[in-house]
Amino acid sequence: MFNNKPDKTPEIMNNKNPETTNASINLIGTGTTIEGDLKSNGDVRIDGNVYGSVQTKAKAVIGATGVIDGDINSQNADISGTVKGKIICSDLLFLKATARVSGDIVTGKLVVEVGASFTGSCNMGPVIKEMKHGSDKPAAPALQEKSA
């Protein structure tokens, strides 16, 4: 207002629509507790406690002191802390040596360090359509050996 110098604010600060960028990093520090769902377009790092789901379009990092009591839905995730809930990770899920996971995992790729603990089921890779049981088509005949 009082000076005619050009605005030197970074482009990310001038962005009027926060949903178009995922350059932000959100931190839930040690000693912080959130009760409720957490949604973000950017990276999320949790070193505190979250009692609810965590959803991000980018990367979720759960530090060694982090505790999640709810589902995680992200593109990538690095887990060093405790998670009680379903983890859906569209690309890469990395369970560090101190990770404690109790719940189902659905991910594109999974890396598990020695020492990590996981209790639940895991589905990896592209989604495969389930075959219908009891379909109307007869089963293929079993192969029989010819007697000569």
Protein backbone atom coordinates (compact mmCIF):
# COMPACT_ATOMS: atom_id res chain seq x y z
CA MET A 1 0.00 0.00 0.00
CA PHE A 2 2.73 2.45 0.94
CA ASN A 3 5.51 1.22 -1.29
CA ASN A 4 5.57 0.45 -4.97
CA LYS A 5 7.98 -2.49 -4.71
CA PRO A 6 6.85 -5.62 -6.51
CA ASP A 7 5.36 -8.36 -4.36
CA LYS A 8 8.07 -10.91 -3.56
CA THR A 9 5.70 -13.38 -1.93
CA PRO A 10 6.39 -16.91 -3.18
CA GLU A 11 3.96 -18.27 -5.75
CA ILE A 12 2.64 -20.84 -3.30
CA MET A 13 1.54 -18.04 -0.94
CA ASN A 14 -0.31 -16.24 -3.75
CA ASN A 15 -2.29 -19.36 -4.62
CA LYS A 16 -5.94 -18.63 -3.85
CA ASN A 17 -7.04 -22.28 -4.07
CA PRO A 18 -5.26 -24.40 -1.44
CA GLU A 19 -6.50 -27.63 -3.03
CA THR A 20 -4.37 -27.13 -6.14
CA THR A 21 -1.08 -27.57 -4.28
CA ASN A 22 0.22 -30.35 -2.10
CA ALA A 23 3.46 -28.61 -1.10
CA SER A 24 2.31 -28.10 2.49
CA ILE A 25 3.62 -30.21 5.34
CA ASN A 26 1.40 -30.67 8.38
CA LEU A 27 2.89 -31.68 11.74
CA ILE A 28 1.11 -33.12 14.76
CA GLY A 29 3.80 -32.96 17.43
CA THR A 30 4.55 -35.18 20.41
CA GLY A 31 2.11 -34.45 23.23
CA THR A 32 -0.66 -33.33 20.87
CA THR A 33 -3.91 -35.30 20.72
CA ILE A 34 -6.53 -34.95 18.00
CA GLU A 35 -9.97 -36.49 18.39
CA GLY A 36 -11.61 -36.55 14.97
CA ASP A 37 -10.76 -37.07 11.32
CA LEU A 38 -7.77 -35.37 9.73
CA LYS A 39 -7.83 -34.51 5.99
CA SER A 40 -5.04 -32.89 4.00
CA ASN A 41 -3.92 -32.37 0.42
CA GLY A 42 -0.26 -32.19 1.50
CA ASP A 43 2.14 -34.33 3.49
CA VAL A 44 1.24 -35.19 7.09
CA ARG A 45 3.65 -36.11 9.89
CA ILE A 46 2.19 -37.38 13.14
CA ASP A 47 4.29 -37.73 16.28
CA GLY A 48 1.33 -37.31 18.63
CA ASN A 49 -2.01 -39.14 18.95
CA VAL A 50 -4.90 -39.15 16.49
CA TYR A 51 -8.18 -40.81 17.44
CA GLY A 52 -9.89 -40.82 14.05
CA SER A 53 -9.02 -41.35 10.41
CA VAL A 54 -6.11 -39.73 8.57
CA GLN A 55 -6.62 -38.99 4.88
CA THR A 56 -4.09 -37.31 2.62
CA LYS A 57 -3.54 -37.13 -1.12
CA ALA A 58 0.21 -37.17 -0.50
CA LYS A 59 2.45 -38.87 2.11
CA ALA A 60 1.61 -39.81 5.69
CA VAL A 61 4.50 -40.24 8.13
CA ILE A 62 3.80 -41.73 11.55
CA GLY A 63 6.79 -41.12 13.81
CA ALA A 64 8.04 -43.52 16.49
CA THR A 65 5.93 -41.74 19.15
CA GLY A 66 2.89 -41.43 16.86
CA VAL A 67 -0.31 -43.34 17.61
CA ILE A 68 -3.23 -43.61 15.19
CA ASP A 69 -6.48 -45.20 16.36
CA GLY A 70 -8.33 -45.14 13.05
CA ASP A 71 -7.88 -45.70 9.33
CA ILE A 72 -5.16 -44.20 7.14
CA ASN A 73 -5.76 -43.42 3.47
CA SER A 74 -2.82 -41.95 1.55
CA GLN A 75 -0.70 -42.17 -1.57
CA ASN A 76 2.48 -43.14 0.35
CA ALA A 77 3.14 -43.84 4.02
CA ASP A 78 6.10 -44.38 6.33
CA ILE A 79 5.11 -45.88 9.67
CA SER A 80 7.41 -46.03 12.69
CA GLY A 81 4.74 -45.77 15.38
CA THR A 82 1.48 -47.55 16.26
CA VAL A 83 -1.58 -47.87 14.02
CA LYS A 84 -4.83 -49.59 14.97
CA GLY A 85 -7.00 -49.55 11.85
CA LYS A 86 -7.06 -50.18 8.12
CA ILE A 87 -4.29 -48.73 5.97
CA ILE A 88 -5.02 -47.96 2.32
CA CYS A 89 -1.95 -46.77 0.47
CA SER A 90 -2.20 -46.38 -3.30
CA ASP A 91 1.54 -46.48 -3.96
CA LEU A 92 4.17 -47.43 -1.33
CA LEU A 93 3.75 -48.40 2.34
CA PHE A 94 6.95 -48.60 4.40
CA LEU A 95 6.80 -50.26 7.84
CA LYS A 96 9.91 -49.27 9.80
CA ALA A 97 11.48 -51.51 12.46
CA THR A 98 9.57 -49.82 15.31
CA ALA A 99 6.16 -50.01 13.55
CA ARG A 100 3.25 -51.75 15.28
CA VAL A 101 0.24 -52.22 12.97
CA SER A 102 -3.00 -53.94 13.95
CA GLY A 103 -5.42 -53.92 11.02
CA ASP A 104 -5.76 -54.71 7.35
CA ILE A 105 -3.45 -53.29 4.68
CA VAL A 106 -4.27 -52.53 1.04
CA THR A 107 -1.29 -51.16 -0.89
CA GLY A 108 0.46 -51.12 -4.23
CA LYS A 109 3.89 -51.94 -2.77
CA LEU A 110 4.98 -52.93 0.73
CA VAL A 111 8.36 -52.70 2.45
CA VAL A 112 8.74 -54.21 5.93
CA GLU A 113 11.90 -53.73 7.99
CA VAL A 114 13.08 -56.44 10.38
CA GLY A 115 11.44 -55.84 13.76
CA ALA A 116 8.17 -54.37 12.48
CA SER A 117 4.97 -55.99 13.79
CA PHE A 118 1.86 -56.48 11.66
CA THR A 119 -1.38 -58.27 12.58
CA GLY A 120 -4.09 -58.44 9.92
CA SER A 121 -4.51 -59.20 6.24
CA CYS A 122 -2.61 -57.64 3.37
CA ASN A 123 -3.65 -57.11 -0.25
CA MET A 124 -0.89 -55.91 -2.56
CA GLY A 125 -0.69 -54.91 -6.18
CA PRO A 126 -3.46 -53.95 -8.58
CA VAL A 127 -7.02 -54.66 -7.54
CA ILE A 128 -8.20 -58.03 -8.82
CA LYS A 129 -11.91 -58.50 -9.42
CA GLU A 130 -13.28 -61.32 -7.34
CA MET A 131 -14.65 -64.28 -9.25
CA LYS A 132 -18.30 -65.08 -8.68
CA HIS A 133 -18.84 -68.29 -6.79
CA GLY A 134 -21.64 -70.55 -8.00
CA SER A 135 -21.80 -69.10 -11.50
CA ASP A 136 -24.09 -70.66 -14.09
CA LYS A 137 -21.20 -71.88 -16.24
CA PRO A 138 -20.15 -75.47 -15.66
CA ALA A 139 -16.68 -76.09 -14.35
CA ALA A 140 -14.02 -77.13 -16.86
CA PRO A 141 -13.76 -80.91 -17.13
CA ALA A 142 -10.83 -82.45 -15.30
CA LEU A 143 -7.98 -83.74 -17.41
CA GLN A 144 -7.99 -87.51 -17.68
CA GLU A 145 -5.07 -89.70 -18.61
CA LYS A 146 -5.46 -91.88 -21.70
CA SER A 147 -4.93 -95.58 -21.34
CA ALA A 148 -2.87 -96.98 -24.15
